Amino acid sequence: MKIKFKIKRYDPHSPDRRKSYMQAYDIEAVEGMSVLEGLLKISEQLDTTLVFRKSCRSAICGSCAMTINGRSKLACNTQILPLQKKHGEVVIEPLENHKVLKDLLVDMTDFWHKLEKITPYLTPPEDVDTERVQITKEDTYAIDDAQKCIMCGSCNGACNALEIDKHYTAPAALAKSWRFVGDVREGESNKRLMRLSEDHGVWSCVRCGHCTEYCPKHVKPLTCIERLRDRAIDSGHTDNMGARHVNAMVDSVRKIGRLDEAAMMFKTLGFIRSLGMIPLGLKMQLHGKMPGIMLFPTIDGIDEVKAIYQARNEDKVRERLAREKKEKE
C-alpha cells in the first residue's frame, strides 16, 4: 500500500532563508511496518540526506522520539497503517521543545543538563547500611513507574509548561526526582524537595497531563510531580506561591466547604501584590468570570467536610510517622 510521508526538513547551513520546509515521500508500506522502518526505507532508497536518530528499534533506548502527526512518539513502536487510517497521511516533525540540529535530529544537551541538576542517583545517609534496609512491596510500587523511564524526551516534547518556560525542570527530570525522593534508602530527600520547591521546579507544572498521555513507557510523570508536591508540603517547604495556593484552597474548603477565590488570592499573592490584581478582578467579575462576594459563604453540612479533613489528617500523620520510623531504622 502506497503511503505518503510528509517530513519536516531543516538544514542550518542552507543559503536559502527558508531553512525548514515539508518534503513528501511515497513509500510502499505493509502490515506491521513501523514509522522508523519507513524512515529507514526513505533514507536508504529515496533520500540519503535525511537525518534522524535511531538505535535499538525495540522501544528501549528512546533515541527515535519525534513528533508524529502532532504527538510525541517513538518511531520504532508506532505503526504506519493505523496512522494512515486515522489521519490519511503520516506527518513527521522533530521533537517539540528541543533545538533542531538538522531534519529530525534535535539537541538533547538541555535535557541531560536538567537531569544532571536533580542529582540522578541515590545519596544514602552516611550512618546507615543501605544493604540492610528492608524494602517492602509497597516501597517498590511507590517508585516503580518512575524507574521505567528510558530518557526518550517524549514528555518534555509534549510539555506546555516547558514551551513557555525554558528554565522549567521539566517532567522527565521531575519523574526521575521522585524515583529518589520516594526511595526509602534516600538520605537527602529534604534537600531535594527544598531545591525542587524553588522557581522553575515542581510548582511550574500546569497539569495539562500531556507528559503522562504521551509517555511510551507509562511512567506517569504527572503523578510523580503530584507526589513531589505533596511530600514537599508535608516537609514544610511552603514558602512559594504554588504551595501557598494549595494551602489556601485546602483551608477554604475546610472552613466553609467551598472556594473563596478572593481570600485565596490574598493568601497566595500576599496583601501588596493582591492590591495590584484588583483592576483585573473587577474586569473578570463584570464579564462573569469571577463569583461575587459571599456574605454567608459556609455551606450546609460543613461538619461532614471537617470530619473528612480530620480523618485525612490523621491518616497523613500516621503515614509520616511510619516513614520517619523506617528512615531511622
C-alpha atoms as a PDB file:
ATOM      1  CA  MET A   1       0.000   0.000   0.000  1.00  0.00           C
ATOM      2  CA  LYS A   2       1.380   3.399  -1.013  1.00  0.00           C
ATOM      3  CA  ILE A   3       1.722   5.756   1.959  1.00  0.00           C
ATOM      4  CA  LYS A   4       2.675   9.430   1.830  1.00  0.00           C
ATOM      5  CA  PHE A   5       5.256  10.544   4.373  1.00  0.00           C
ATOM      6  CA  LYS A   6       5.461  14.305   4.994  1.00  0.00           C
ATOM      7  CA  ILE A   7       8.706  15.109   6.800  1.00  0.00           C
ATOM      8  CA  LYS A   8       9.821  18.451   8.146  1.00  0.00           C
ATOM      9  CA  ARG A   9      13.322  19.098   6.849  1.00  0.00           C
ATOM     10  CA  TYR A  10      15.812  21.573   8.255  1.00  0.00           C
ATOM     11  CA  ASP A  11      19.338  22.417   7.144  1.00  0.00           C
ATOM     12  CA  PRO A  12      21.138  25.032   9.290  1.00  0.00           C
ATOM     13  CA  HIS A  13      23.759  25.542   6.579  1.00  0.00           C
ATOM     14  CA  SER A  14      21.332  26.165   3.763  1.00  0.00           C
ATOM     15  CA  PRO A  15      21.884  29.514   1.954  1.00  0.00           C
ATOM     16  CA  ASP A  16      18.131  29.724   1.491  1.00  0.00           C
ATOM     17  CA  ARG A  17      16.304  31.834   4.080  1.00  0.00           C
ATOM     18  CA  ARG A  18      13.653  29.145   4.205  1.00  0.00           C
ATOM     19  CA  LYS A  19      15.735  26.696   6.206  1.00  0.00           C
ATOM     20  CA  SER A  20      12.805  24.496   7.242  1.00  0.00           C
ATOM     21  CA  TYR A  21      10.239  23.035   4.870  1.00  0.00           C
ATOM     22  CA  MET A  22       7.994  19.996   4.421  1.00  0.00           C
ATOM     23  CA  GLN A  23       9.065  17.308   1.968  1.00  0.00           C
ATOM     24  CA  ALA A  24       6.858  14.436   0.833  1.00  0.00           C
ATOM     25  CA  TYR A  25       7.870  10.854   0.034  1.00  0.00           C
ATOM     26  CA  ASP A  26       5.787   7.933  -1.180  1.00  0.00           C
ATOM     27  CA  ILE A  27       6.725   4.520   0.192  1.00  0.00           C
ATOM     28  CA  GLU A  28       5.265   1.045  -0.011  1.00  0.00           C
ATOM     29  CA  ALA A  29       4.063   0.028   3.479  1.00  0.00           C
ATOM     30  CA  VAL A  30       2.940  -3.378   4.695  1.00  0.00           C
ATOM     31  CA  GLU A  31       1.047  -4.563   7.781  1.00  0.00           C
ATOM     32  CA  GLY A  32       3.113  -4.171  10.973  1.00  0.00           C
ATOM     33  CA  MET A  33       5.604  -1.755   9.443  1.00  0.00           C
ATOM     34  CA  SER A  34       6.787   0.942  11.859  1.00  0.00           C
ATOM     35  CA  VAL A  35       7.427   4.625  11.193  1.00  0.00           C
ATOM     36  CA  LEU A  36      11.120   4.017  11.860  1.00  0.00           C
ATOM     37  CA  GLU A  37      11.182   1.304   9.194  1.00  0.00           C
ATOM     38  CA  GLY A  38       9.548   3.780   6.833  1.00  0.00           C
ATOM     39  CA  LEU A  39      12.214   6.380   7.600  1.00  0.00           C
ATOM     40  CA  LEU A  40      14.961   3.834   7.056  1.00  0.00           C
ATOM     41  CA  LYS A  41      13.418   2.900   3.728  1.00  0.00           C
ATOM     42  CA  ILE A  42      13.375   6.563   2.680  1.00  0.00           C
ATOM     43  CA  SER A  43      16.978   7.188   3.781  1.00  0.00           C
ATOM     44  CA  GLU A  44      18.264   4.006   2.091  1.00  0.00           C
ATOM     45  CA  GLN A  45      16.265   4.101  -1.162  1.00  0.00           C
ATOM     46  CA  LEU A  46      14.958   7.629  -1.787  1.00  0.00           C
ATOM     47  CA  ASP A  47      16.978  10.282   0.032  1.00  0.00           C
ATOM     48  CA  THR A  48      20.295   9.547   1.727  1.00  0.00           C
ATOM     49  CA  THR A  49      20.478  13.105   3.134  1.00  0.00           C
ATOM     50  CA  LEU A  50      17.591  12.571   5.595  1.00  0.00           C
ATOM     51  CA  VAL A  51      18.871  12.775   9.187  1.00  0.00           C
ATOM     52  CA  PHE A  52      17.261  11.190  12.261  1.00  0.00           C
ATOM     53  CA  ARG A  53      18.263   9.216  15.359  1.00  0.00           C
ATOM     54  CA  LYS A  54      17.745   5.514  15.901  1.00  0.00           C
ATOM     55  CA  SER A  55      19.357   2.637  17.735  1.00  0.00           C
ATOM     56  CA  CYS A  56      17.668  -0.372  19.354  1.00  0.00           C
ATOM     57  CA  ARG A  57      14.437  -0.439  17.286  1.00  0.00           C
ATOM     58  CA  SER A  58      12.749  -2.049  20.321  1.00  0.00           C
ATOM     59  CA  ALA A  59      11.381   0.913  22.330  1.00  0.00           C
ATOM     60  CA  ILE A  60      14.193   0.572  24.863  1.00  0.00           C
ATOM     61  CA  CYS A  61      16.820   3.209  24.034  1.00  0.00           C
ATOM     62  CA  GLY A  62      14.446   6.143  23.410  1.00  0.00           C
ATOM     63  CA  SER A  63      16.596   7.512  20.566  1.00  0.00           C
ATOM     64  CA  CYS A  64      13.851   7.762  17.947  1.00  0.00           C
ATOM     65  CA  ALA A  65      11.426  10.076  19.792  1.00  0.00           C
ATOM     66  CA  MET A  66       9.864  12.580  17.405  1.00  0.00           C
ATOM     67  CA  THR A  67       6.592  14.337  16.699  1.00  0.00           C
ATOM     68  CA  ILE A  68       4.338  12.069  14.653  1.00  0.00           C
ATOM     69  CA  ASN A  69       1.025  13.534  13.492  1.00  0.00           C
ATOM     70  CA  GLY A  70       1.228  16.124  16.256  1.00  0.00           C
ATOM     71  CA  ARG A  71       2.053  13.760  19.126  1.00  0.00           C
ATOM     72  CA  SER A  72       5.339  12.859  20.803  1.00  0.00           C
ATOM     73  CA  LYS A  73       6.015   9.213  19.957  1.00  0.00           C
ATOM     74  CA  LEU A  74       8.741   6.636  19.440  1.00  0.00           C
ATOM     75  CA  ALA A  75       9.067   5.952  15.725  1.00  0.00           C
ATOM     76  CA  CYS A  76      10.053   2.329  16.348  1.00  0.00           C
ATOM     77  CA  ASN A  77       6.827   1.301  18.081  1.00  0.00           C
ATOM     78  CA  THR A  78       4.387   3.428  16.064  1.00  0.00           C
ATOM     79  CA  GLN A  79       2.887   1.563  13.123  1.00  0.00           C
ATOM     80  CA  ILE A  80       2.250   3.247   9.788  1.00  0.00           C
ATOM     81  CA  LEU A  81      -1.065   1.776   8.651  1.00  0.00           C
ATOM     82  CA  PRO A  82      -3.080   2.766  11.762  1.00  0.00           C
ATOM     83  CA  LEU A  83      -1.775   6.325  11.331  1.00  0.00           C
ATOM     84  CA  GLN A  84      -2.802   6.314   7.680  1.00  0.00           C
ATOM     85  CA  LYS A  85      -6.249   5.011   8.576  1.00  0.00           C
ATOM     86  CA  LYS A  86      -6.769   7.669  11.267  1.00  0.00           C
ATOM     87  CA  HIS A  87      -5.135  10.721   9.690  1.00  0.00           C
ATOM     88  CA  GLY A  88      -4.917   9.939   5.975  1.00  0.00           C
ATOM     89  CA  GLU A  89      -1.182  10.656   5.958  1.00  0.00           C
ATOM     90  CA  VAL A  90       1.962  10.387   8.088  1.00  0.00           C
ATOM     91  CA  VAL A  91       3.431  13.728   9.161  1.00  0.00           C
ATOM     92  CA  ILE A  92       6.778  13.632  10.961  1.00  0.00           C
ATOM     93  CA  GLU A  93       8.447  16.583  12.674  1.00  0.00           C
ATOM     94  CA  PRO A  94      11.279  16.991  15.177  1.00  0.00           C
ATOM     95  CA  LEU A  95      10.533  16.573  18.888  1.00  0.00           C
ATOM     96  CA  GLU A  96       8.987  19.788  20.209  1.00  0.00           C
ATOM     97  CA  ASN A  97      10.666  21.965  22.868  1.00  0.00           C
ATOM     98  CA  HIS A  98      14.126  20.939  21.635  1.00  0.00           C
ATOM     99  CA  LYS A  99      16.545  22.829  19.403  1.00  0.00           C
ATOM    100  CA  VAL A 100      16.665  21.278  15.940  1.00  0.00           C
ATOM    101  CA  LEU A 101      20.148  20.447  14.664  1.00  0.00           C
ATOM    102  CA  LYS A 102      19.135  19.024  11.298  1.00  0.00           C
ATOM    103  CA  ASP A 103      15.938  17.486   9.931  1.00  0.00           C
ATOM    104  CA  LEU A 104      14.566  15.240  12.724  1.00  0.00           C
ATOM    105  CA  LEU A 105      17.742  15.393  14.808  1.00  0.00           C
ATOM    106  CA  VAL A 106      17.345  17.505  17.968  1.00  0.00           C
ATOM    107  CA  ASP A 107      19.843  18.732  20.549  1.00  0.00           C
ATOM    108  CA  MET A 108      19.400  16.831  23.846  1.00  0.00           C
ATOM    109  CA  THR A 109      22.015  18.866  25.740  1.00  0.00           C
ATOM    110  CA  ASP A 110      19.449  20.795  27.783  1.00  0.00           C
ATOM    111  CA  PHE A 111      17.571  17.571  28.545  1.00  0.00           C
ATOM    112  CA  TRP A 112      20.674  15.963  30.059  1.00  0.00           C
ATOM    113  CA  HIS A 113      21.624  19.178  31.837  1.00  0.00           C
ATOM    114  CA  LYS A 114      18.258  19.291  33.630  1.00  0.00           C
ATOM    115  CA  LEU A 115      18.632  15.632  34.566  1.00  0.00           C
ATOM    116  CA  GLU A 116      22.133  16.224  35.937  1.00  0.00           C
ATOM    117  CA  LYS A 117      20.895  19.112  38.092  1.00  0.00           C
ATOM    118  CA  ILE A 118      18.492  16.895  40.079  1.00  0.00           C
ATOM    119  CA  THR A 119      21.372  14.551  41.126  1.00  0.00           C
ATOM    120  CA  PRO A 120      20.150  11.366  39.379  1.00  0.00           C
ATOM    121  CA  TYR A 121      21.460   8.816  41.858  1.00  0.00           C
ATOM    122  CA  LEU A 122      20.833   7.707  45.422  1.00  0.00           C
ATOM    123  CA  THR A 123      22.568   9.577  48.237  1.00  0.00           C
ATOM    124  CA  PRO A 124      22.037   7.345  51.289  1.00  0.00           C
ATOM    125  CA  PRO A 125      22.802   8.566  54.829  1.00  0.00           C
ATOM    126  CA  GLU A 126      26.419   8.001  55.829  1.00  0.00           C
ATOM    127  CA  ASP A 127      25.451   6.305  59.092  1.00  0.00           C
ATOM    128  CA  VAL A 128      23.024   3.816  57.534  1.00  0.00           C
ATOM    129  CA  ASP A 129      23.888   0.458  55.984  1.00  0.00           C
ATOM    130  CA  THR A 130      21.579   0.517  52.963  1.00  0.00           C
ATOM    131  CA  GLU A 131      22.188  -3.183  52.327  1.00  0.00           C
ATOM    132  CA  ARG A 132      20.209  -3.922  55.483  1.00  0.00           C
ATOM    133  CA  VAL A 133      17.276  -1.626  54.749  1.00  0.00           C
ATOM    134  CA  GLN A 134      14.135  -3.690  54.330  1.00  0.00           C
ATOM    135  CA  ILE A 135      12.192  -2.734  51.207  1.00  0.00           C
ATOM    136  CA  THR A 136       8.559  -3.813  51.110  1.00  0.00           C
ATOM    137  CA  LYS A 137       6.370  -4.330  48.071  1.00  0.00           C
ATOM    138  CA  GLU A 138       4.648  -1.032  48.873  1.00  0.00           C
ATOM    139  CA  ASP A 139       8.029   0.749  48.867  1.00  0.00           C
ATOM    140  CA  THR A 140       8.805  -0.722  45.454  1.00  0.00           C
ATOM    141  CA  TYR A 141       5.410   0.107  43.975  1.00  0.00           C
ATOM    142  CA  ALA A 142       5.766   3.748  45.091  1.00  0.00           C
ATOM    143  CA  ILE A 143       8.689   4.341  42.719  1.00  0.00           C
ATOM    144  CA  ASP A 144       8.111   1.560  40.195  1.00  0.00           C
ATOM    145  CA  ASP A 145       6.615   3.723  37.439  1.00  0.00           C
ATOM    146  CA  ALA A 146       9.404   6.305  37.717  1.00  0.00           C
ATOM    147  CA  GLN A 147      12.013   3.575  37.189  1.00  0.00           C
ATOM    148  CA  LYS A 148      10.599   2.701  33.759  1.00  0.00           C
ATOM    149  CA  CYS A 149      11.791   5.945  32.132  1.00  0.00           C
ATOM    150  CA  ILE A 150      14.031   5.397  29.074  1.00  0.00           C
ATOM    151  CA  MET A 151      15.018   9.089  28.734  1.00  0.00           C
ATOM    152  CA  CYS A 152      13.420   9.477  25.316  1.00  0.00           C
ATOM    153  CA  GLY A 153      12.255  13.052  25.981  1.00  0.00           C
ATOM    154  CA  SER A 154       8.706  12.480  24.719  1.00  0.00           C
ATOM    155  CA  CYS A 155       7.226  14.003  27.872  1.00  0.00           C
ATOM    156  CA  ASN A 156       9.387  17.120  27.556  1.00  0.00           C
ATOM    157  CA  GLY A 157       8.417  17.412  23.907  1.00  0.00           C
ATOM    158  CA  ALA A 158       4.726  17.426  24.864  1.00  0.00           C
ATOM    159  CA  CYS A 159       5.099  19.743  27.890  1.00  0.00           C
ATOM    160  CA  ASN A 160       3.128  23.003  27.726  1.00  0.00           C
ATOM    161  CA  ALA A 161       4.980  24.473  30.720  1.00  0.00           C
ATOM    162  CA  LEU A 162       8.389  23.882  29.113  1.00  0.00           C
ATOM    163  CA  GLU A 163       7.164  25.591  25.953  1.00  0.00           C
ATOM    164  CA  ILE A 164       6.755  28.889  27.837  1.00  0.00           C
ATOM    165  CA  ASP A 165       9.490  28.446  30.466  1.00  0.00           C
ATOM    166  CA  LYS A 166      12.749  27.040  29.121  1.00  0.00           C
ATOM    167  CA  HIS A 167      14.191  27.003  32.658  1.00  0.00           C
ATOM    168  CA  TYR A 168      11.460  24.650  33.916  1.00  0.00           C
ATOM    169  CA  THR A 169      12.962  21.438  35.310  1.00  0.00           C
ATOM    170  CA  ALA A 170      10.502  19.563  33.042  1.00  0.00           C
ATOM    171  CA  PRO A 171       8.627  16.263  33.556  1.00  0.00           C
ATOM    172  CA  ALA A 172      11.434  13.829  32.712  1.00  0.00           C
ATOM    173  CA  ALA A 173      13.779  15.199  35.393  1.00  0.00           C
ATOM    174  CA  LEU A 174      10.930  15.575  37.902  1.00  0.00           C
ATOM    175  CA  ALA A 175       9.815  11.978  37.392  1.00  0.00           C
ATOM    176  CA  LYS A 176      13.413  10.912  37.978  1.00  0.00           C
ATOM    177  CA  SER A 177      13.468  13.099  41.110  1.00  0.00           C
ATOM    178  CA  TRP A 178      10.538  11.148  42.546  1.00  0.00           C
ATOM    179  CA  ARG A 179      12.466   7.950  41.816  1.00  0.00           C
ATOM    180  CA  PHE A 180      14.920   9.047  44.541  1.00  0.00           C
ATOM    181  CA  VAL A 181      12.741  11.146  46.861  1.00  0.00           C
ATOM    182  CA  GLY A 182      10.313   8.243  47.097  1.00  0.00           C
ATOM    183  CA  ASP A 183      13.062   5.686  47.764  1.00  0.00           C
ATOM    184  CA  VAL A 184      13.299   4.649  51.430  1.00  0.00           C
ATOM    185  CA  ARG A 185      17.088   4.394  51.083  1.00  0.00           C
ATOM    186  CA  GLU A 186      17.498   8.065  50.115  1.00  0.00           C
ATOM    187  CA  GLY A 187      19.104  10.276  52.747  1.00  0.00           C
ATOM    188  CA  GLU A 188      18.815  13.676  51.044  1.00  0.00           C
ATOM    189  CA  SER A 189      15.070  13.779  50.325  1.00  0.00           C
ATOM    190  CA  ASN A 190      14.577  17.005  52.260  1.00  0.00           C
ATOM    191  CA  LYS A 191      17.340  18.809  50.365  1.00  0.00           C
ATOM    192  CA  ARG A 192      15.950  17.556  47.059  1.00  0.00           C
ATOM    193  CA  LEU A 193      12.455  18.783  47.940  1.00  0.00           C
ATOM    194  CA  MET A 194      13.804  22.167  49.015  1.00  0.00           C
ATOM    195  CA  ARG A 195      15.515  22.656  45.636  1.00  0.00           C
ATOM    196  CA  LEU A 196      12.515  21.396  43.690  1.00  0.00           C
ATOM    197  CA  SER A 197      10.228  23.840  45.537  1.00  0.00           C
ATOM    198  CA  GLU A 198      12.147  26.809  44.152  1.00  0.00           C
ATOM    199  CA  ASP A 199      11.296  28.677  40.936  1.00  0.00           C
ATOM    200  CA  HIS A 200      11.029  26.520  37.777  1.00  0.00           C
ATOM    201  CA  GLY A 201      10.525  23.382  39.917  1.00  0.00           C
ATOM    202  CA  VAL A 202       7.500  21.230  40.754  1.00  0.00           C
ATOM    203  CA  TRP A 203       5.123  24.185  41.057  1.00  0.00           C
ATOM    204  CA  SER A 204       5.740  25.321  37.471  1.00  0.00           C
ATOM    205  CA  CYS A 205       3.804  22.318  36.118  1.00  0.00           C
ATOM    206  CA  VAL A 206       0.465  23.401  34.602  1.00  0.00           C
ATOM    207  CA  ARG A 207      -1.037  19.885  34.961  1.00  0.00           C
ATOM    208  CA  CYS A 208      -2.029  19.559  31.299  1.00  0.00           C
ATOM    209  CA  GLY A 209      -1.387  15.813  31.541  1.00  0.00           C
ATOM    210  CA  HIS A 210       0.354  15.538  28.162  1.00  0.00           C
ATOM    211  CA  CYS A 211       3.510  14.070  29.715  1.00  0.00           C
ATOM    212  CA  THR A 212       1.563  11.119  31.090  1.00  0.00           C
ATOM    213  CA  GLU A 213      -0.632  10.774  27.995  1.00  0.00           C
ATOM    214  CA  TYR A 214       2.282  10.618  25.534  1.00  0.00           C
ATOM    215  CA  CYS A 215       4.831   8.651  27.607  1.00  0.00           C
ATOM    216  CA  PRO A 216       5.587   5.410  25.702  1.00  0.00           C
ATOM    217  CA  LYS A 217       6.584   3.532  28.889  1.00  0.00           C
ATOM    218  CA  HIS A 218       3.697   4.621  31.172  1.00  0.00           C
ATOM    219  CA  VAL A 219       5.965   6.417  33.644  1.00  0.00           C
ATOM    220  CA  LYS A 220       3.124   8.807  34.658  1.00  0.00           C
ATOM    221  CA  PRO A 221       5.289  11.920  35.180  1.00  0.00           C
ATOM    222  CA  LEU A 222       2.306  13.987  36.349  1.00  0.00           C
ATOM    223  CA  THR A 223       1.652  11.538  39.185  1.00  0.00           C
ATOM    224  CA  CYS A 224       5.328  11.788  40.169  1.00  0.00           C
ATOM    225  CA  ILE A 225       5.083  15.598  40.192  1.00  0.00           C
ATOM    226  CA  GLU A 226       1.951  15.495  42.341  1.00  0.00           C
ATOM    227  CA  ARG A 227       3.677  13.183  44.810  1.00  0.00           C
ATOM    228  CA  LEU A 228       6.663  15.520  44.970  1.00  0.00           C
ATOM    229  CA  ARG A 229       4.350  18.461  45.675  1.00  0.00           C
ATOM    230  CA  ASP A 230       2.560  16.536  48.409  1.00  0.00           C
ATOM    231  CA  ARG A 231       5.809  15.448  50.031  1.00  0.00           C
ATOM    232  CA  ALA A 232       7.251  18.984  49.785  1.00  0.00           C
ATOM    233  CA  ILE A 233       4.271  20.479  51.627  1.00  0.00           C
ATOM    234  CA  ASP A 234       4.420  17.735  54.270  1.00  0.00           C
ATOM    235  CA  SER A 235       8.122  18.535  54.723  1.00  0.00           C
ATOM    236  CA  GLY A 236       7.397  22.215  55.339  1.00  0.00           C
ATOM    237  CA  HIS A 237       8.611  23.675  52.034  1.00  0.00           C
ATOM    238  CA  THR A 238       5.689  26.057  51.694  1.00  0.00           C
ATOM    239  CA  ASP A 239       7.393  29.422  51.151  1.00  0.00           C
ATOM    240  CA  ASN A 240       6.421  29.610  47.485  1.00  0.00           C
ATOM    241  CA  MET A 241       3.362  30.674  45.531  1.00  0.00           C
ATOM    242  CA  GLY A 242       2.377  27.158  44.461  1.00  0.00           C
ATOM    243  CA  ALA A 243       2.313  25.720  47.977  1.00  0.00           C
ATOM    244  CA  ARG A 244       0.558  28.811  49.350  1.00  0.00           C
ATOM    245  CA  HIS A 245      -2.137  28.460  46.686  1.00  0.00           C
ATOM    246  CA  VAL A 246      -2.726  24.793  47.557  1.00  0.00           C
ATOM    247  CA  ASN A 247      -2.847  25.505  51.279  1.00  0.00           C
ATOM    248  CA  ALA A 248      -5.223  28.429  50.708  1.00  0.00           C
ATOM    249  CA  MET A 249      -7.543  26.213  48.656  1.00  0.00           C
ATOM    250  CA  VAL A 250      -7.461  23.429  51.265  1.00  0.00           C
ATOM    251  CA  ASP A 251      -8.087  25.926  54.068  1.00  0.00           C
ATOM    252  CA  SER A 252     -11.010  27.496  52.211  1.00  0.00           C
ATOM    253  CA  VAL A 253     -12.784  24.167  51.628  1.00  0.00           C
ATOM    254  CA  ARG A 254     -12.112  23.035  55.204  1.00  0.00           C
ATOM    255  CA  LYS A 255     -13.562  26.222  56.730  1.00  0.00           C
ATOM    256  CA  ILE A 256     -16.569  26.989  54.517  1.00  0.00           C
ATOM    257  CA  GLY A 257     -16.924  23.951  52.239  1.00  0.00           C
ATOM    258  CA  ARG A 258     -16.252  25.868  49.012  1.00  0.00           C
ATOM    259  CA  LEU A 259     -13.613  28.036  47.336  1.00  0.00           C
ATOM    260  CA  ASP A 260     -13.440  31.657  48.457  1.00  0.00           C
ATOM    261  CA  GLU A 261     -11.437  32.947  45.498  1.00  0.00           C
ATOM    262  CA  ALA A 262     -10.915  36.446  46.880  1.00  0.00           C
ATOM    263  CA  ALA A 263      -9.441  35.124  50.122  1.00  0.00           C
ATOM    264  CA  MET A 264      -7.345  32.599  48.203  1.00  0.00           C
ATOM    265  CA  MET A 265      -5.803  35.378  46.114  1.00  0.00           C
ATOM    266  CA  PHE A 266      -4.688  37.308  49.200  1.00  0.00           C
ATOM    267  CA  LYS A 267      -3.238  34.197  50.828  1.00  0.00           C
ATOM    268  CA  THR A 268      -1.433  33.169  47.644  1.00  0.00           C
ATOM    269  CA  LEU A 269      -0.031  36.507  46.479  1.00  0.00           C
ATOM    270  CA  GLY A 270       0.143  38.415  49.752  1.00  0.00           C
ATOM    271  CA  PHE A 271      -1.595  41.698  50.534  1.00  0.00           C
ATOM    272  CA  ILE A 272       0.553  44.090  48.479  1.00  0.00           C
ATOM    273  CA  ARG A 273       0.602  42.018  45.284  1.00  0.00           C
ATOM    274  CA  SER A 274      -3.115  41.295  45.629  1.00  0.00           C
ATOM    275  CA  LEU A 275      -3.907  45.023  45.547  1.00  0.00           C
ATOM    276  CA  GLY A 276      -2.387  45.176  42.071  1.00  0.00           C
ATOM    277  CA  MET A 277      -4.784  42.451  40.913  1.00  0.00           C
ATOM    278  CA  ILE A 278      -7.948  44.335  41.935  1.00  0.00           C
ATOM    279  CA  PRO A 279      -8.491  46.018  38.496  1.00  0.00           C
ATOM    280  CA  LEU A 280      -8.195  42.625  36.777  1.00  0.00           C
ATOM    281  CA  GLY A 281     -10.572  41.090  39.329  1.00  0.00           C
ATOM    282  CA  LEU A 282     -13.174  43.785  38.679  1.00  0.00           C
ATOM    283  CA  LYS A 283     -12.957  43.219  34.916  1.00  0.00           C
ATOM    284  CA  MET A 284     -13.340  39.467  35.412  1.00  0.00           C
ATOM    285  CA  GLN A 285     -16.384  39.994  37.626  1.00  0.00           C
ATOM    286  CA  LEU A 286     -18.001  42.309  35.056  1.00  0.00           C
ATOM    287  CA  HIS A 287     -17.603  39.572  32.432  1.00  0.00           C
ATOM    288  CA  GLY A 288     -18.930  36.835  34.719  1.00  0.00           C
ATOM    289  CA  LYS A 289     -15.533  35.196  35.147  1.00  0.00           C
ATOM    290  CA  MET A 290     -15.430  35.568  38.948  1.00  0.00           C
ATOM    291  CA  PRO A 291     -18.126  34.909  41.554  1.00  0.00           C
ATOM    292  CA  GLY A 292     -19.379  37.801  43.653  1.00  0.00           C
ATOM    293  CA  ILE A 293     -18.617  38.341  47.323  1.00  0.00           C
ATOM    294  CA  MET A 294     -20.350  35.760  49.505  1.00  0.00           C
ATOM    295  CA  LEU A 295     -21.996  37.243  52.618  1.00  0.00           C
ATOM    296  CA  PHE A 296     -22.791  33.818  54.103  1.00  0.00           C
ATOM    297  CA  PRO A 297     -20.289  31.511  52.397  1.00  0.00           C
ATOM    298  CA  THR A 298     -20.423  28.441  54.659  1.00  0.00           C
ATOM    299  CA  ILE A 299     -22.292  25.529  53.101  1.00  0.00           C
ATOM    300  CA  ASP A 300     -24.818  23.318  54.846  1.00  0.00           C
ATOM    301  CA  GLY A 301     -23.259  20.176  56.262  1.00  0.00           C
ATOM    302  CA  ILE A 302     -19.854  21.781  56.880  1.00  0.00           C
ATOM    303  CA  ASP A 303     -19.359  19.433  59.838  1.00  0.00           C
ATOM    304  CA  GLU A 304     -19.186  16.497  57.436  1.00  0.00           C
ATOM    305  CA  VAL A 305     -16.492  18.267  55.401  1.00  0.00           C
ATOM    306  CA  LYS A 306     -14.484  18.948  58.558  1.00  0.00           C
ATOM    307  CA  ALA A 307     -14.801  15.293  59.592  1.00  0.00           C
ATOM    308  CA  ILE A 308     -13.336  14.197  56.227  1.00  0.00           C
ATOM    309  CA  TYR A 309     -10.409  16.568  56.681  1.00  0.00           C
ATOM    310  CA  GLN A 310      -9.829  15.346  60.225  1.00  0.00           C
ATOM    311  CA  ALA A 311      -9.733  11.712  59.101  1.00  0.00           C
ATOM    312  CA  ARG A 312      -7.377  12.552  56.237  1.00  0.00           C
ATOM    313  CA  ASN A 313      -5.055  14.491  58.534  1.00  0.00           C
ATOM    314  CA  GLU A 314      -4.867  11.551  60.915  1.00  0.00           C
ATOM    315  CA  ASP A 315      -4.004   9.229  58.008  1.00  0.00           C
ATOM    316  CA  LYS A 316      -1.250  11.579  56.817  1.00  0.00           C
ATOM    317  CA  VAL A 317       0.220  11.830  60.312  1.00  0.00           C
ATOM    318  CA  ARG A 318       0.357   8.043  60.561  1.00  0.00           C
ATOM    319  CA  GLU A 319       1.974   7.813  57.109  1.00  0.00           C
ATOM    320  CA  ARG A 320       4.585  10.434  58.018  1.00  0.00           C
ATOM    321  CA  LEU A 321       5.429   8.792  61.352  1.00  0.00           C
ATOM    322  CA  ALA A 322       5.768   5.393  59.662  1.00  0.00           C
ATOM    323  CA  ARG A 323       8.054   6.867  57.014  1.00  0.00           C
ATOM    324  CA  GLU A 324      10.215   8.648  59.598  1.00  0.00           C
ATOM    325  CA  LYS A 325      10.441   5.478  61.690  1.00  0.00           C
ATOM    326  CA  LYS A 326      11.562   3.477  58.679  1.00  0.00           C
ATOM    327  CA  GLU A 327      14.170   6.101  57.738  1.00  0.00           C
ATOM    328  CA  LYS A 328      15.604   5.951  61.277  1.00  0.00           C
ATOM    329  CA  GLU A 329      15.723   2.157  61.212  1.00  0.00           C
END
